[in-house]
Every structure is written in structure tokens, then in C-alpha cells.
């Protein structure tokens, strides 16, 4: 059986001190505490979904047409 682990940190939005508990890959508990380190923060993951082009169409082209853009975005959305 795995042991529960914990980490003291702060909420990125409020600055509130928190303690995060987990076991294996699952968060088991999140509780408010009185103090936490100043340099550890709990925040949502960041994702840069940058797409420079697809299917032979470059979004960086000065000559891209609206039809090319909409067609390519539609293919990415499938």
C-alpha cells in the first residue's frame, strides 16, 4: 500500500496557504493551513497550443486566404 504524501504551497489566485495531500497519482485532500513557503504555488497547468500551420497551409504567410484558414482550422477540429 502506498503512503500518503503532502506538500505545503499557496493558491495562485488568493495566496492562501494550502496543504496538498496525495497517494500514488491521486489527490486525496486539499486543506487550508496557517503558513506555506513563499515560492511554491498551486495553479492550473499552462498549455501553449501554438499551431503555425497544417496541411501545407502556413498561418504565418502574408498571403493566406480566409478560405485556407477556415479549411485548415476545420481539419484541426476533427
PDB file of N, CA and C in Angstrom:
ATOM      1  N   UNK A   1       0.837  -1.180   0.000  1.00  0.00           N
ATOM      2  CA  UNK A   1       0.000   0.000   0.000  1.00  0.00           C
ATOM      3  C   UNK A   1       0.886   1.250   0.000  1.00  0.00           C
ATOM      4  N   UNK A   2       0.496   2.253  -0.784  1.00  0.00           N
ATOM      5  CA  UNK A   2       1.284   3.478  -0.897  1.00  0.00           C
ATOM      6  C   UNK A   2       1.015   4.400   0.291  1.00  0.00           C
ATOM      7  N   UNK A   3       2.028   5.153   0.649  1.00  0.00           N
ATOM      8  CA  UNK A   3       1.887   6.132   1.728  1.00  0.00           C
ATOM      9  C   UNK A   3       1.404   7.458   1.172  1.00  0.00           C
ATOM     10  N   UNK A   4       0.543   8.121   1.938  1.00  0.00           N
ATOM     11  CA  UNK A   4       0.102   9.454   1.555  1.00  0.00           C
ATOM     12  C   UNK A   4       1.263  10.428   1.714  1.00  0.00           C
ATOM     13  N   UNK A   5       1.394  11.333   0.761  1.00  0.00           N
ATOM     14  CA  UNK A   5       2.431  12.354   0.817  1.00  0.00           C
ATOM     15  C   UNK A   5       1.747  13.716   0.861  1.00  0.00           C
ATOM     16  N   UNK A   6       2.505  14.742   1.239  1.00  0.00           N
ATOM     17  CA  UNK A   6       1.926  16.079   1.322  1.00  0.00           C
ATOM     18  C   UNK A   6       2.940  17.143   0.949  1.00  0.00           C
ATOM     19  N   UNK A   7       2.402  18.301   0.596  1.00  0.00           N
ATOM     20  CA  UNK A   7       3.239  19.419   0.191  1.00  0.00           C
ATOM     21  C   UNK A   7       2.535  20.704   0.602  1.00  0.00           C
ATOM     22  N   UNK A   8       3.262  21.612   1.220  1.00  0.00           N
ATOM     23  CA  UNK A   8       2.720  22.922   1.578  1.00  0.00           C
ATOM     24  C   UNK A   8       3.000  23.896   0.449  1.00  0.00           C
ATOM     25  N   UNK A   9       1.985  24.678   0.076  1.00  0.00           N
ATOM     26  CA  UNK A   9       2.106  25.618  -1.033  1.00  0.00           C
ATOM     27  C   UNK A   9       1.059  26.704  -0.893  1.00  0.00           C
ATOM     28  N   UNK A  10       0.941  27.552  -1.903  1.00  0.00           N
ATOM     29  CA  UNK A  10      -0.030  28.651  -1.880  1.00  0.00           C
ATOM     30  C   UNK A  10      -0.929  28.587  -3.111  1.00  0.00           C
ATOM     31  N   UNK A  11      -2.172  29.018  -2.935  1.00  0.00           N
ATOM     32  CA  UNK A  11      -3.112  29.131  -4.042  1.00  0.00           C
ATOM     33  C   UNK A  11      -2.673  30.295  -4.928  1.00  0.00           C
ATOM     34  N   UNK A  12      -2.540  30.070  -6.225  1.00  0.00           N
ATOM     35  CA  UNK A  12      -2.026  31.095  -7.140  1.00  0.00           C
ATOM     36  C   UNK A  12      -2.936  32.316  -7.224  1.00  0.00           C
ATOM     37  N   UNK A  13      -4.223  32.126  -6.975  1.00  0.00           N
ATOM     38  CA  UNK A  13      -5.188  33.213  -7.139  1.00  0.00           C
ATOM     39  C   UNK A  13      -5.335  34.052  -5.864  1.00  0.00           C
ATOM     40  N   UNK A  14      -5.357  33.387  -4.709  1.00  0.00           N
ATOM     41  CA  UNK A  14      -5.626  34.090  -3.457  1.00  0.00           C
ATOM     42  C   UNK A  14      -4.392  34.281  -2.586  1.00  0.00           C
ATOM     43  N   UNK A  15      -3.350  33.470  -2.821  1.00  0.00           N
ATOM     44  CA  UNK A  15      -2.171  33.495  -1.964  1.00  0.00           C
ATOM     45  C   UNK A  15      -2.365  32.717  -0.669  1.00  0.00           C
ATOM     46  N   UNK A  16      -3.550  32.117  -0.503  1.00  0.00           N
ATOM     47  CA  UNK A  16      -3.881  31.357   0.706  1.00  0.00           C
ATOM     48  C   UNK A  16      -2.942  30.163   0.876  1.00  0.00           C
ATOM     49  N   UNK A  17      -2.370  29.980   2.074  1.00  0.00           N
ATOM     50  CA  UNK A  17      -1.539  28.809   2.332  1.00  0.00           C
ATOM     51  C   UNK A  17      -2.388  27.531   2.297  1.00  0.00           C
ATOM     52  N   UNK A  18      -1.890  26.513   1.627  1.00  0.00           N
ATOM     53  CA  UNK A  18      -2.596  25.242   1.477  1.00  0.00           C
ATOM     54  C   UNK A  18      -1.668  24.080   1.771  1.00  0.00           C
ATOM     55  N   UNK A  19      -2.275  22.936   2.056  1.00  0.00           N
ATOM     56  CA  UNK A  19      -1.521  21.691   2.140  1.00  0.00           C
ATOM     57  C   UNK A  19      -2.208  20.690   1.215  1.00  0.00           C
ATOM     58  N   UNK A  20      -1.458  20.180   0.262  1.00  0.00           N
ATOM     59  CA  UNK A  20      -1.948  19.223  -0.724  1.00  0.00           C
ATOM     60  C   UNK A  20      -1.505  17.831  -0.303  1.00  0.00           C
ATOM     61  N   UNK A  21      -2.448  16.903  -0.229  1.00  0.00           N
ATOM     62  CA  UNK A  21      -2.158  15.520   0.125  1.00  0.00           C
ATOM     63  C   UNK A  21      -2.442  14.644  -1.091  1.00  0.00           C
ATOM     64  N   UNK A  22      -1.588  13.636  -1.329  1.00  0.00           N
ATOM     65  CA  UNK A  22      -1.835  12.707  -2.423  1.00  0.00           C
ATOM     66  C   UNK A  22      -1.305  11.331  -2.067  1.00  0.00           C
ATOM     67  N   UNK A  23      -1.849  10.354  -2.761  1.00  0.00           N
ATOM     68  CA  UNK A  23      -1.420   8.966  -2.614  1.00  0.00           C
ATOM     69  C   UNK A  23      -1.328   8.390  -4.018  1.00  0.00           C
ATOM     70  N   UNK A  24      -0.149   7.947  -4.397  1.00  0.00           N
ATOM     71  CA  UNK A  24       0.043   7.481  -5.774  1.00  0.00           C
ATOM     72  C   UNK A  24      -0.126   8.651  -6.720  1.00  0.00           C
ATOM     73  N   UNK A  25      -1.078   8.525  -7.659  1.00  0.00           N
ATOM     74  CA  UNK A  25      -1.326   9.588  -8.637  1.00  0.00           C
ATOM     75  C   UNK A  25      -2.603  10.363  -8.349  1.00  0.00           C
ATOM     76  N   UNK A  26      -3.219  10.153  -7.176  1.00  0.00           N
ATOM     77  CA  UNK A  26      -4.496  10.794  -6.873  1.00  0.00           C
ATOM     78  C   UNK A  26      -4.372  11.768  -5.710  1.00  0.00           C
ATOM     79  N   UNK A  27      -4.932  12.967  -5.909  1.00  0.00           N
ATOM     80  CA  UNK A  27      -5.020  13.934  -4.820  1.00  0.00           C
ATOM     81  C   UNK A  27      -6.090  13.433  -3.856  1.00  0.00           C
ATOM     82  N   UNK A  28      -5.743  13.346  -2.601  1.00  0.00           N
ATOM     83  CA  UNK A  28      -6.685  12.838  -1.599  1.00  0.00           C
ATOM     84  C   UNK A  28      -7.312  13.932  -0.755  1.00  0.00           C
ATOM     85  N   UNK A  29      -6.610  15.069  -0.627  1.00  0.00           N
ATOM     86  CA  UNK A  29      -7.135  16.126   0.225  1.00  0.00           C
ATOM     87  C   UNK A  29      -6.389  17.430  -0.055  1.00  0.00           C
ATOM     88  N   UNK A  30      -7.110  18.534   0.049  1.00  0.00           N
ATOM     89  CA  UNK A  30      -6.522  19.864  -0.047  1.00  0.00           C
ATOM     90  C   UNK A  30      -7.103  20.667   1.103  1.00  0.00           C
ATOM     91  N   UNK A  31      -6.231  21.187   1.956  1.00  0.00           N
ATOM     92  CA  UNK A  31      -6.718  21.894   3.130  1.00  0.00           C
ATOM     93  C   UNK A  31      -6.003  23.224   3.305  1.00  0.00           C
ATOM     94  N   UNK A  32      -6.721  24.190   3.887  1.00  0.00           N
ATOM     95  CA  UNK A  32      -6.117  25.474   4.217  1.00  0.00           C
ATOM     96  C   UNK A  32      -5.229  25.296   5.439  1.00  0.00           C
ATOM     97  N   UNK A  33      -4.118  26.025   5.455  1.00  0.00           N
ATOM     98  CA  UNK A  33      -3.193  25.960   6.580  1.00  0.00           C
ATOM     99  C   UNK A  33      -2.837  27.374   7.009  1.00  0.00           C
ATOM    100  N   UNK A  34      -2.028  27.471   8.043  1.00  0.00           N
ATOM    101  CA  UNK A  34      -1.634  28.778   8.543  1.00  0.00           C
ATOM    102  C   UNK A  34      -0.424  29.359   7.859  1.00  0.00           C
ATOM    103  N   UNK A  35       0.433  28.506   7.287  1.00  0.00           N
ATOM    104  CA  UNK A  35       1.635  29.030   6.644  1.00  0.00           C
ATOM    105  C   UNK A  35       2.092  28.082   5.551  1.00  0.00           C
ATOM    106  N   UNK A  36       2.771  28.647   4.579  1.00  0.00           N
ATOM    107  CA  UNK A  36       3.323  27.895   3.456  1.00  0.00           C
ATOM    108  C   UNK A  36       4.550  28.620   2.945  1.00  0.00           C
ATOM    109  N   UNK A  37       5.418  27.920   2.226  1.00  0.00           N
ATOM    110  CA  UNK A  37       6.572  28.593   1.630  1.00  0.00           C
ATOM    111  C   UNK A  37       6.116  29.662   0.632  1.00  0.00           C
ATOM    112  N   UNK A  38       6.899  30.672   0.476  1.00  0.00           N
ATOM    113  CA  UNK A  38       6.551  31.768  -0.431  1.00  0.00           C
ATOM    114  C   UNK A  38       6.752  31.409  -1.900  1.00  0.00           C
ATOM    115  N   UNK A  39       7.548  30.379  -2.194  1.00  0.00           N
ATOM    116  CA  UNK A  39       7.930  30.130  -3.587  1.00  0.00           C
ATOM    117  C   UNK A  39       7.303  28.883  -4.208  1.00  0.00           C
ATOM    118  N   UNK A  40       6.329  28.245  -3.548  1.00  0.00           N
ATOM    119  CA  UNK A  40       5.623  27.108  -4.138  1.00  0.00           C
ATOM    120  C   UNK A  40       4.156  27.471  -4.298  1.00  0.00           C
ATOM    121  N   UNK A  41       3.639  27.316  -5.522  1.00  0.00           N
ATOM    122  CA  UNK A  41       2.275  27.750  -5.823  1.00  0.00           C
ATOM    123  C   UNK A  41       1.502  26.624  -6.491  1.00  0.00           C
ATOM    124  N   UNK A  42       0.205  26.535  -6.186  1.00  0.00           N
ATOM    125  CA  UNK A  42      -0.698  25.594  -6.840  1.00  0.00           C
ATOM    126  C   UNK A  42      -1.509  26.377  -7.862  1.00  0.00           C
ATOM    127  N   UNK A  43      -1.388  25.988  -9.130  1.00  0.00           N
ATOM    128  CA  UNK A  43      -2.065  26.696 -10.214  1.00  0.00           C
ATOM    129  C   UNK A  43      -2.473  25.706 -11.288  1.00  0.00           C
ATOM    130  N   UNK A  44      -3.423  26.081 -12.135  1.00  0.00           N
ATOM    131  CA  UNK A  44      -3.794  25.194 -13.241  1.00  0.00           C
ATOM    132  C   UNK A  44      -2.626  25.052 -14.212  1.00  0.00           C
ATOM    133  N   UNK A  45      -2.584  23.948 -14.936  1.00  0.00           N
ATOM    134  CA  UNK A  45      -1.496  23.762 -15.909  1.00  0.00           C
ATOM    135  C   UNK A  45      -1.608  24.776 -17.044  1.00  0.00           C
ATOM    136  N   UNK A  46      -0.492  25.136 -17.599  1.00  0.00           N
ATOM    137  CA  UNK A  46      -0.460  26.052 -18.730  1.00  0.00           C
ATOM    138  C   UNK A  46      -0.208  25.260 -20.001  1.00  0.00           C
ATOM    139  N   UNK A  47      -0.866  25.632 -21.066  1.00  0.00           N
ATOM    140  CA  UNK A  47      -0.718  24.939 -22.341  1.00  0.00           C
ATOM    141  C   UNK A  47      -0.612  25.974 -23.444  1.00  0.00           C
ATOM    142  N   UNK A  48       0.423  25.880 -24.217  1.00  0.00           N
ATOM    143  CA  UNK A  48       0.589  26.751 -25.380  1.00  0.00           C
ATOM    144  C   UNK A  48       0.269  25.915 -26.610  1.00  0.00           C
ATOM    145  N   UNK A  49      -0.959  26.035 -27.081  1.00  0.00           N
ATOM    146  CA  UNK A  49      -1.401  25.233 -28.236  1.00  0.00           C
ATOM    147  C   UNK A  49      -1.092  25.982 -29.533  1.00  0.00           C
ATOM    148  N   UNK A  50       0.169  26.294 -29.714  1.00  0.00           N
ATOM    149  CA  UNK A  50       0.592  27.050 -30.886  1.00  0.00           C
ATOM    150  C   UNK A  50       0.613  26.141 -32.107  1.00  0.00           C
ATOM    151  N   UNK A  51      -0.051  26.580 -33.159  1.00  0.00           N
ATOM    152  CA  UNK A  51      -0.059  25.860 -34.425  1.00  0.00           C
ATOM    153  C   UNK A  51       0.343  26.860 -35.499  1.00  0.00           C
ATOM    154  N   UNK A  52       1.450  26.605 -36.162  1.00  0.00           N
ATOM    155  CA  UNK A  52       1.936  27.530 -37.186  1.00  0.00           C
ATOM    156  C   UNK A  52       1.361  27.234 -38.567  1.00  0.00           C
ATOM    157  N   UNK A  53       0.735  26.090 -38.700  1.00  0.00           N
ATOM    158  CA  UNK A  53       0.143  25.713 -39.970  1.00  0.00           C
ATOM    159  C   UNK A  53      -0.226  24.250 -39.954  1.00  0.00           C
ATOM    160  N   UNK A  54      -0.858  23.797 -41.031  1.00  0.00           N
ATOM    161  CA  UNK A  54      -1.269  22.400 -41.110  1.00  0.00           C
ATOM    162  C   UNK A  54      -1.677  22.114 -42.544  1.00  0.00           C
ATOM    163  N   UNK A  55      -1.393  20.925 -43.012  1.00  0.00           N
ATOM    164  CA  UNK A  55      -1.833  20.501 -44.340  1.00  0.00           C
ATOM    165  C   UNK A  55      -1.307  21.362 -45.463  1.00  0.00           C
ATOM    166  N   UNK A  56      -0.099  21.863 -45.312  1.00  0.00           N
ATOM    167  CA  UNK A  56       0.503  22.671 -46.358  1.00  0.00           C
ATOM    168  C   UNK A  56       0.127  24.145 -46.313  1.00  0.00           C
ATOM    169  N   UNK A  57      -0.653  24.545 -45.307  1.00  0.00           N
ATOM    170  CA  UNK A  57      -1.045  25.947 -45.165  1.00  0.00           C
ATOM    171  C   UNK A  57      -0.277  26.534 -43.986  1.00  0.00           C
ATOM    172  N   UNK A  58       0.436  27.624 -44.225  1.00  0.00           N
ATOM    173  CA  UNK A  58       1.185  28.306 -43.176  1.00  0.00           C
ATOM    174  C   UNK A  58       0.381  29.484 -42.660  1.00  0.00           C
ATOM    175  N   UNK A  59       0.151  29.508 -41.349  1.00  0.00           N
ATOM    176  CA  UNK A  59      -0.569  30.628 -40.754  1.00  0.00           C
ATOM    177  C   UNK A  59       0.302  31.876 -40.680  1.00  0.00           C
ATOM    178  N   UNK A  60       1.569  31.743 -40.963  1.00  0.00           N
ATOM    179  CA  UNK A  60       2.492  32.875 -40.922  1.00  0.00           C
ATOM    180  C   UNK A  60       2.654  33.537 -42.292  1.00  0.00           C
ATOM    181  N   UNK A  61       1.945  33.021 -43.258  1.00  0.00           N
ATOM    182  CA  UNK A  61       2.032  33.558 -44.612  1.00  0.00           C
ATOM    183  C   UNK A  61       1.286  34.877 -44.721  1.00  0.00           C
ATOM    184  N   UNK A  62       1.859  35.819 -45.448  1.00  0.00           N
ATOM    185  CA  UNK A  62       1.190  37.096 -45.699  1.00  0.00           C
ATOM    186  C   UNK A  62       0.067  36.951 -46.722  1.00  0.00           C
ATOM    187  N   UNK A  63       0.025  35.821 -47.421  1.00  0.00           N
ATOM    188  CA  UNK A  63      -0.964  35.645 -48.489  1.00  0.00           C
ATOM    189  C   UNK A  63      -2.037  34.616 -48.153  1.00  0.00           C
ATOM    190  N   UNK A  64      -2.114  34.176 -46.904  1.00  0.00           N
ATOM    191  CA  UNK A  64      -3.129  33.189 -46.536  1.00  0.00           C
ATOM    192  C   UNK A  64      -4.519  33.790 -46.745  1.00  0.00           C
ATOM    193  N   UNK A  65      -5.409  32.976 -47.307  1.00  0.00           N
ATOM    194  CA  UNK A  65      -6.775  33.453 -47.541  1.00  0.00           C
ATOM    195  C   UNK A  65      -7.680  33.002 -46.398  1.00  0.00           C
ATOM    196  N   UNK A  66      -8.821  33.628 -46.303  1.00  0.00           N
ATOM    197  CA  UNK A  66      -9.790  33.247 -45.276  1.00  0.00           C
ATOM    198  C   UNK A  66     -10.244  31.803 -45.489  1.00  0.00           C
ATOM    199  N   UNK A  67     -10.448  31.409 -46.738  1.00  0.00           N
ATOM    200  CA  UNK A  67     -10.870  30.028 -47.032  1.00  0.00           C
ATOM    201  C   UNK A  67      -9.818  29.022 -46.579  1.00  0.00           C
ATOM    202  N   UNK A  68      -8.535  29.318 -46.831  1.00  0.00           N
ATOM    203  CA  UNK A  68      -7.462  28.416 -46.394  1.00  0.00           C
ATOM    204  C   UNK A  68      -7.442  28.295 -44.873  1.00  0.00           C
ATOM    205  N   UNK A  69      -7.571  29.425 -44.209  1.00  0.00           N
ATOM    206  CA  UNK A  69      -7.559  29.433 -42.750  1.00  0.00           C
ATOM    207  C   UNK A  69      -8.733  28.626 -42.188  1.00  0.00           C
ATOM    208  N   UNK A  70      -9.935  28.885 -42.670  1.00  0.00           N
ATOM    209  CA  UNK A  70     -11.117  28.185 -42.162  1.00  0.00           C
ATOM    210  C   UNK A  70     -11.064  26.691 -42.485  1.00  0.00           C
ATOM    211  N   UNK A  71     -10.604  26.337 -43.651  1.00  0.00           N
ATOM    212  CA  UNK A  71     -10.477  24.919 -44.023  1.00  0.00           C
ATOM    213  C   UNK A  71      -9.480  24.195 -43.133  1.00  0.00           C
ATOM    214  N   UNK A  72      -8.346  24.827 -42.879  1.00  0.00           N
ATOM    215  CA  UNK A  72      -7.315  24.214 -42.059  1.00  0.00           C
ATOM    216  C   UNK A  72      -7.786  24.084 -40.619  1.00  0.00           C
ATOM    217  N   UNK A  73      -8.405  25.116 -40.072  1.00  0.00           N
ATOM    218  CA  UNK A  73      -8.914  25.060 -38.709  1.00  0.00           C
ATOM    219  C   UNK A  73      -9.970  23.961 -38.594  1.00  0.00           C
ATOM    220  N   UNK A  74     -10.806  23.838 -39.613  1.00  0.00           N
ATOM    221  CA  UNK A  74     -11.811  22.774 -39.620  1.00  0.00           C
ATOM    222  C   UNK A  74     -11.187  21.396 -39.575  1.00  0.00           C
ATOM    223  N   UNK A  75     -10.089  21.190 -40.288  1.00  0.00           N
ATOM    224  CA  UNK A  75      -9.385  19.892 -40.267  1.00  0.00           C
ATOM    225  C   UNK A  75      -8.760  19.622 -38.896  1.00  0.00           C
ATOM    226  N   UNK A  76      -8.229  20.675 -38.261  1.00  0.00           N
ATOM    227  CA  UNK A  76      -7.640  20.503 -36.939  1.00  0.00           C
ATOM    228  C   UNK A  76      -8.703  20.182 -35.889  1.00  0.00           C
ATOM    229  N   UNK A  77      -9.911  20.611 -36.144  1.00  0.00           N
ATOM    230  CA  UNK A  77     -11.006  20.442 -35.206  1.00  0.00           C
ATOM    231  C   UNK A  77     -11.660  19.055 -35.289  1.00  0.00           C
ATOM    232  N   UNK A  78     -11.275  18.249 -36.272  1.00  0.00           N
ATOM    233  CA  UNK A  78     -11.899  16.923 -36.460  1.00  0.00           C
ATOM    234  C   UNK A  78     -11.420  15.930 -35.458  1.00  0.00           C
TER     235      UNK A  78
END
